[in-house]
């Protein structure tokens, strides 16, 4: 869980105590070739496991 006083950048929450970043993702692909683990909607989502609009 993120610290309520931690800074954020839109949908991205920064937790300097852990340190970690938290942002929403959707599972995009469950099988097949993967080029990258994560893309935005403007990337190659057909080749990524996760998709985010953050």
N, C-alpha and C. Protein backbone atom coordinates (compact mmCIF):
# COMPACT_ATOMS: atom_id res chain seq x y z
N UNK A 1 0.85 -1.18 0.00
CA UNK A 1 0.00 0.00 0.00
C UNK A 1 0.89 1.24 0.00
N UNK A 2 0.48 2.25 -0.70
CA UNK A 2 1.28 3.46 -0.79
C UNK A 2 1.04 4.38 0.40
N UNK A 3 2.01 5.19 0.67
CA UNK A 3 1.93 6.18 1.75
C UNK A 3 1.03 7.31 1.30
N UNK A 4 -0.02 7.67 2.04
CA UNK A 4 -0.94 8.73 1.62
C UNK A 4 -0.25 10.08 1.42
N UNK A 5 0.89 10.31 2.07
CA UNK A 5 1.61 11.56 1.91
C UNK A 5 2.68 11.53 0.84
N UNK A 6 2.83 10.38 0.16
CA UNK A 6 3.87 10.24 -0.86
C UNK A 6 3.50 11.03 -2.11
N UNK A 7 4.52 11.52 -2.84
CA UNK A 7 4.24 12.27 -4.07
C UNK A 7 3.66 11.37 -5.16
N UNK A 8 2.94 11.98 -6.09
CA UNK A 8 2.43 11.22 -7.23
C UNK A 8 2.53 12.06 -8.49
N UNK A 9 2.52 11.36 -9.61
CA UNK A 9 2.57 11.98 -10.93
C UNK A 9 1.38 11.43 -11.72
N UNK A 10 0.24 12.07 -11.60
CA UNK A 10 -0.96 11.56 -12.26
C UNK A 10 -1.37 10.24 -11.65
N UNK A 11 -1.36 9.17 -12.43
CA UNK A 11 -1.74 7.85 -11.95
C UNK A 11 -0.58 7.10 -11.28
N UNK A 12 0.62 7.64 -11.37
CA UNK A 12 1.80 6.99 -10.79
C UNK A 12 1.99 7.46 -9.36
N UNK A 13 2.02 6.52 -8.43
CA UNK A 13 2.24 6.81 -7.02
C UNK A 13 3.66 6.42 -6.65
N UNK A 14 4.37 7.31 -6.00
CA UNK A 14 5.75 7.06 -5.61
C UNK A 14 5.79 6.81 -4.11
N UNK A 15 6.41 5.71 -3.72
CA UNK A 15 6.54 5.39 -2.30
C UNK A 15 8.04 5.33 -1.97
N UNK A 16 8.61 6.42 -1.46
CA UNK A 16 10.04 6.44 -1.18
C UNK A 16 10.45 5.56 0.00
N UNK A 17 9.50 5.14 0.83
CA UNK A 17 9.84 4.30 1.98
C UNK A 17 10.19 2.87 1.57
N UNK A 18 9.60 2.35 0.47
CA UNK A 18 9.85 0.96 0.08
C UNK A 18 11.14 0.77 -0.70
N UNK A 19 11.65 1.47 -1.59
CA UNK A 19 11.08 2.39 -2.56
C UNK A 19 10.37 1.63 -3.68
N UNK A 20 9.29 2.22 -4.18
CA UNK A 20 8.51 1.58 -5.23
C UNK A 20 7.66 2.58 -5.97
N UNK A 21 7.20 2.16 -7.13
CA UNK A 21 6.23 2.90 -7.94
C UNK A 21 5.00 2.03 -8.07
N UNK A 22 3.82 2.65 -8.03
CA UNK A 22 2.57 1.92 -8.20
C UNK A 22 1.76 2.63 -9.28
N UNK A 23 1.24 1.85 -10.23
CA UNK A 23 0.39 2.41 -11.28
C UNK A 23 -0.50 1.30 -11.82
N UNK A 24 -1.67 1.67 -12.38
CA UNK A 24 -2.62 0.66 -12.86
C UNK A 24 -2.14 0.01 -14.16
N UNK A 25 -2.30 -1.31 -14.24
CA UNK A 25 -2.00 -2.05 -15.46
C UNK A 25 -3.14 -3.03 -15.74
N UNK A 26 -3.20 -3.47 -16.98
CA UNK A 26 -4.15 -4.48 -17.41
C UNK A 26 -3.36 -5.62 -18.03
N UNK A 27 -3.75 -6.87 -17.74
CA UNK A 27 -3.11 -8.01 -18.41
C UNK A 27 -3.53 -7.95 -19.86
N UNK A 28 -2.56 -7.91 -20.74
CA UNK A 28 -2.81 -7.73 -22.16
C UNK A 28 -2.66 -9.03 -22.94
N UNK A 29 -1.70 -9.86 -22.57
CA UNK A 29 -1.41 -11.06 -23.33
C UNK A 29 -1.01 -12.18 -22.38
N UNK A 30 -1.64 -13.33 -22.52
CA UNK A 30 -1.36 -14.46 -21.63
C UNK A 30 -0.48 -15.52 -22.29
N UNK A 31 -0.35 -15.51 -23.59
CA UNK A 31 0.53 -16.47 -24.27
C UNK A 31 1.02 -15.88 -25.57
N UNK A 32 1.99 -16.53 -26.19
CA UNK A 32 2.57 -16.04 -27.43
C UNK A 32 3.86 -15.29 -27.18
N UNK A 33 4.51 -14.85 -28.24
CA UNK A 33 5.79 -14.15 -28.09
C UNK A 33 5.62 -12.79 -27.41
N UNK A 34 6.58 -12.46 -26.58
CA UNK A 34 6.55 -11.19 -25.85
C UNK A 34 7.80 -10.40 -26.20
N UNK A 35 7.62 -9.17 -26.63
CA UNK A 35 8.75 -8.30 -26.94
C UNK A 35 9.14 -7.46 -25.72
N UNK A 36 8.16 -6.95 -25.01
CA UNK A 36 8.38 -6.11 -23.82
C UNK A 36 7.37 -6.49 -22.75
N UNK A 37 7.73 -6.30 -21.48
CA UNK A 37 6.76 -6.63 -20.44
C UNK A 37 5.62 -5.64 -20.31
N UNK A 38 5.85 -4.36 -20.68
CA UNK A 38 4.85 -3.32 -20.43
C UNK A 38 4.89 -2.28 -21.53
N UNK A 39 3.71 -1.91 -22.02
CA UNK A 39 3.58 -0.83 -23.00
C UNK A 39 2.38 0.02 -22.66
N UNK A 40 2.39 1.23 -23.17
CA UNK A 40 1.20 2.07 -23.08
C UNK A 40 0.30 1.74 -24.26
N UNK A 41 -0.86 2.34 -24.31
CA UNK A 41 -1.77 2.12 -25.43
C UNK A 41 -1.17 2.59 -26.75
N UNK A 42 -0.13 3.41 -26.70
CA UNK A 42 0.49 3.92 -27.93
C UNK A 42 1.69 3.08 -28.35
N UNK A 43 1.98 2.00 -27.64
CA UNK A 43 3.11 1.13 -27.99
C UNK A 43 2.62 -0.13 -28.67
N UNK A 44 3.52 -1.12 -28.71
CA UNK A 44 3.20 -2.40 -29.34
C UNK A 44 2.47 -3.31 -28.35
N UNK A 45 1.22 -2.98 -28.09
CA UNK A 45 0.48 -3.73 -27.08
C UNK A 45 0.26 -5.18 -27.49
N UNK A 46 0.31 -5.49 -28.78
CA UNK A 46 0.12 -6.88 -29.21
C UNK A 46 1.30 -7.75 -28.83
N UNK A 47 2.42 -7.17 -28.40
CA UNK A 47 3.61 -7.93 -28.02
C UNK A 47 3.99 -7.71 -26.56
N UNK A 48 3.05 -7.25 -25.74
CA UNK A 48 3.37 -6.98 -24.33
C UNK A 48 2.45 -7.74 -23.40
N UNK A 49 2.98 -8.09 -22.22
CA UNK A 49 2.20 -8.81 -21.23
C UNK A 49 1.23 -7.85 -20.54
N UNK A 50 1.70 -6.65 -20.22
CA UNK A 50 0.86 -5.67 -19.51
C UNK A 50 0.70 -4.41 -20.34
N UNK A 51 -0.42 -3.73 -20.12
CA UNK A 51 -0.73 -2.47 -20.80
C UNK A 51 -1.14 -1.46 -19.74
N UNK A 52 -0.71 -0.19 -19.93
CA UNK A 52 -1.10 0.86 -19.00
C UNK A 52 -1.35 2.15 -19.76
N UNK A 53 -2.17 3.00 -19.19
CA UNK A 53 -2.35 4.33 -19.76
C UNK A 53 -1.79 5.39 -18.80
N UNK A 54 -1.02 4.93 -17.83
CA UNK A 54 -0.38 5.86 -16.86
C UNK A 54 0.82 6.52 -17.49
